[in-house]
Amino acid sequence: MVANVLEKPAGRSSFTDLGQNLERGGTFLTGRAERAADTPENREVLAHIIGIERWGQSRIQVALGQREFVRDEYRGYRPEGGATLGQLRSLLSQTRARTVDLARQLHFNPPDDDFVVEHNGLGPLTAKGWLRYLNQHADLESRKLRGAGGTAVHEEETQQAPAS
């Protein structure tokens, strides 16, 4: 599954392409977070997305040679428990901007194609695999966000999309 869903598609992309995909994904994330109601469930989803993305950034920094590998858990990267929805929205944007910056750094300082960094559950991932993973994880998790009345906030994107 990892090869077909993450590594093969990521391997066909450049770091620039992956960074642009992360930027586009960040636009959707920001929109979804803005439409999300202020509920404990939505704050939990945002904290989870931020924590995983920060954790993944630490793994990408290993690929860049900026830090040593440490097998840690994502929980240490989550925002503090009392963060407000507004704080989480801001952190989400900042965190995604940092991931995009790491993609740009990888463009200028790419690791060997076969250099991998372990994901605790999925096993070894290349830097490109990590970037794709972070984008897909955030997209999938953000679909859990709900607006007022329990409406899925990603459904509004479909309704607003122009007809083809």
Protein backbone atom coordinates (compact mmCIF):
# COMPACT_ATOMS: atom_id res chain seq x y z
CA MET A 1 0.00 0.00 0.00
CA VAL A 2 2.75 2.47 0.93
CA ALA A 3 4.47 1.95 -2.42
CA ASN A 4 1.29 2.40 -4.48
CA VAL A 5 -0.31 5.24 -2.54
CA LEU A 6 2.73 7.25 -1.44
CA GLU A 7 6.07 6.33 -2.93
CA LYS A 8 5.28 5.66 -6.60
CA PRO A 9 3.19 8.80 -7.14
CA ALA A 10 5.64 10.91 -5.09
CA GLY A 11 8.60 9.48 -6.97
CA ARG A 12 7.15 10.76 -10.25
CA SER A 13 6.99 14.29 -8.82
CA SER A 14 9.71 16.83 -8.21
CA PHE A 15 10.16 18.49 -4.84
CA THR A 16 8.82 21.66 -6.49
CA ASP A 17 5.67 19.81 -7.58
CA LEU A 18 5.22 18.35 -4.11
CA GLY A 19 5.69 21.78 -2.54
CA GLN A 20 3.05 23.25 -4.86
CA ASN A 21 0.69 20.40 -3.96
CA LEU A 22 1.28 21.17 -0.29
CA GLU A 23 0.50 24.85 -0.91
CA ARG A 24 -2.75 23.98 -2.72
CA GLY A 25 -3.63 21.51 0.01
CA GLY A 26 -2.90 24.21 2.57
CA THR A 27 -5.46 26.47 0.89
CA PHE A 28 -8.12 23.78 1.31
CA LEU A 29 -7.00 23.13 4.90
CA THR A 30 -7.24 26.80 5.77
CA GLY A 31 -10.69 27.06 4.22
CA ARG A 32 -11.93 23.99 6.03
CA ALA A 33 -10.54 25.23 9.34
CA GLU A 34 -12.20 28.62 8.81
CA ARG A 35 -15.58 26.97 8.16
CA ALA A 36 -15.27 24.61 11.14
CA ALA A 37 -17.46 25.24 14.15
CA ASP A 38 -15.77 25.77 17.50
CA THR A 39 -16.29 22.32 19.02
CA PRO A 40 -14.00 20.06 21.05
CA GLU A 41 -14.09 17.52 18.21
CA ASN A 42 -12.94 20.07 15.62
CA ARG A 43 -10.21 21.37 17.92
CA GLU A 44 -9.04 17.75 18.37
CA VAL A 45 -8.92 17.18 14.60
CA LEU A 46 -6.87 20.34 14.07
CA ALA A 47 -4.49 19.52 16.94
CA HIS A 48 -4.01 16.04 15.47
CA ILE A 49 -3.26 17.38 11.97
CA ILE A 50 -0.79 19.93 13.37
CA GLY A 51 0.91 17.33 15.57
CA ILE A 52 1.36 14.84 12.73
CA GLU A 53 2.62 17.53 10.37
CA ARG A 54 5.17 18.83 12.90
CA TRP A 55 6.26 15.26 13.63
CA GLY A 56 6.68 14.63 9.91
CA GLN A 57 8.69 17.83 9.59
CA SER A 58 11.16 16.44 12.10
CA ARG A 59 11.55 13.34 9.93
CA ILE A 60 12.05 15.48 6.81
CA GLN A 61 14.75 17.40 8.69
CA VAL A 62 16.55 14.07 9.07
CA ALA A 63 16.49 13.69 5.27
CA LEU A 64 17.93 17.21 5.00
CA GLY A 65 20.71 16.38 7.46
CA GLN A 66 19.43 19.02 9.89
CA ARG A 67 18.87 16.63 12.78
CA GLU A 68 19.50 13.09 13.91
CA PHE A 69 16.75 10.51 13.69
CA VAL A 70 14.83 10.00 16.92
CA ARG A 71 12.04 7.43 17.05
CA ASP A 72 9.47 9.48 18.89
CA GLU A 73 5.69 9.79 18.84
CA TYR A 74 3.65 12.56 17.30
CA ARG A 75 1.99 13.48 20.59
CA GLY A 76 4.99 15.55 21.64
CA TYR A 77 4.43 17.77 18.61
CA ARG A 78 0.75 18.50 19.26
CA PRO A 79 -0.32 21.98 20.35
CA GLU A 80 -1.10 22.39 24.02
CA GLY A 81 -4.48 21.11 25.13
CA GLY A 82 -6.05 24.47 25.88
CA ALA A 83 -5.47 25.99 22.43
CA THR A 84 -8.45 27.92 21.09
CA LEU A 85 -9.89 27.34 17.65
CA GLY A 86 -8.36 30.64 16.51
CA GLN A 87 -4.94 29.61 17.80
CA LEU A 88 -5.22 26.24 16.08
CA ARG A 89 -6.20 27.87 12.79
CA SER A 90 -3.13 30.08 12.99
CA LEU A 91 -0.86 27.18 13.95
CA LEU A 92 -2.24 25.12 11.08
CA SER A 93 -1.29 27.80 8.55
CA GLN A 94 2.14 28.31 10.10
CA THR A 95 2.80 24.59 10.24
CA ARG A 96 1.85 24.02 6.60
CA ALA A 97 4.00 26.99 5.53
CA ARG A 98 6.94 25.35 7.28
CA THR A 99 6.30 22.07 5.44
CA VAL A 100 6.25 23.95 2.13
CA ASP A 101 9.54 25.57 3.12
CA LEU A 102 11.04 22.14 3.82
CA ALA A 103 9.94 21.01 0.34
CA ARG A 104 11.78 24.00 -1.11
CA GLN A 105 14.87 23.13 0.91
CA LEU A 106 14.69 19.58 -0.43
CA HIS A 107 14.60 20.98 -3.96
CA PHE A 108 17.93 22.73 -3.37
CA ASN A 109 19.47 20.01 -1.20
CA PRO A 110 17.87 16.69 -2.23
CA PRO A 111 18.83 13.51 -0.42
CA ASP A 112 19.72 10.41 -2.41
CA ASP A 113 16.60 8.87 -3.98
CA ASP A 114 16.96 5.77 -1.82
CA PHE A 115 17.50 7.64 1.47
CA VAL A 116 14.60 6.77 3.80
CA VAL A 117 13.42 7.89 7.21
CA GLU A 118 11.20 5.63 9.30
CA HIS A 119 7.53 6.28 9.86
CA ASN A 120 6.48 4.52 13.06
CA GLY A 121 3.52 2.77 11.44
CA LEU A 122 4.19 2.78 7.70
CA GLY A 123 7.88 1.92 7.74
CA PRO A 124 10.60 3.65 5.75
CA LEU A 125 9.60 6.60 3.56
CA THR A 126 11.66 8.73 1.20
CA ALA A 127 11.56 12.51 1.60
CA LYS A 128 9.12 12.67 -1.31
CA GLY A 129 7.02 9.98 0.34
CA TRP A 130 6.94 12.01 3.55
CA LEU A 131 5.76 15.14 1.72
CA ARG A 132 2.98 13.23 -0.02
CA TYR A 133 2.03 11.52 3.24
CA LEU A 134 1.70 14.83 5.09
CA ASN A 135 -0.46 16.33 2.36
CA GLN A 136 -2.74 13.30 2.15
CA HIS A 137 -2.98 12.85 5.91
CA ALA A 138 -4.06 16.45 6.46
CA ASP A 139 -6.55 16.29 3.59
CA LEU A 140 -8.17 13.10 4.86
CA GLU A 141 -8.27 14.17 8.50
CA SER A 142 -9.62 17.64 7.69
CA ARG A 143 -12.64 15.99 6.08
CA LYS A 144 -13.74 15.15 9.63
CA LEU A 145 -14.21 18.85 10.42
CA ARG A 146 -17.82 19.94 10.83
CA GLY A 147 -19.47 23.31 10.47
CA ALA A 148 -22.48 24.64 12.30
CA GLY A 149 -25.25 22.07 12.29
CA GLY A 150 -22.82 19.20 11.76
CA THR A 151 -22.31 19.75 8.03
CA ALA A 152 -19.00 18.48 6.64
CA VAL A 153 -16.96 21.56 5.77
CA HIS A 154 -15.35 19.91 2.72
CA GLU A 155 -18.77 19.48 1.09
CA GLU A 156 -18.92 23.24 0.58
CA GLU A 157 -15.87 23.00 -1.70
CA THR A 158 -17.76 20.62 -3.99
CA GLN A 159 -20.83 22.82 -4.01
CA GLN A 160 -18.75 25.90 -4.84
CA ALA A 161 -16.74 24.23 -7.60
CA PRO A 162 -17.70 25.38 -11.11
CA ALA A 163 -19.59 22.87 -13.23
CA SER A 164 -17.56 21.20 -15.97
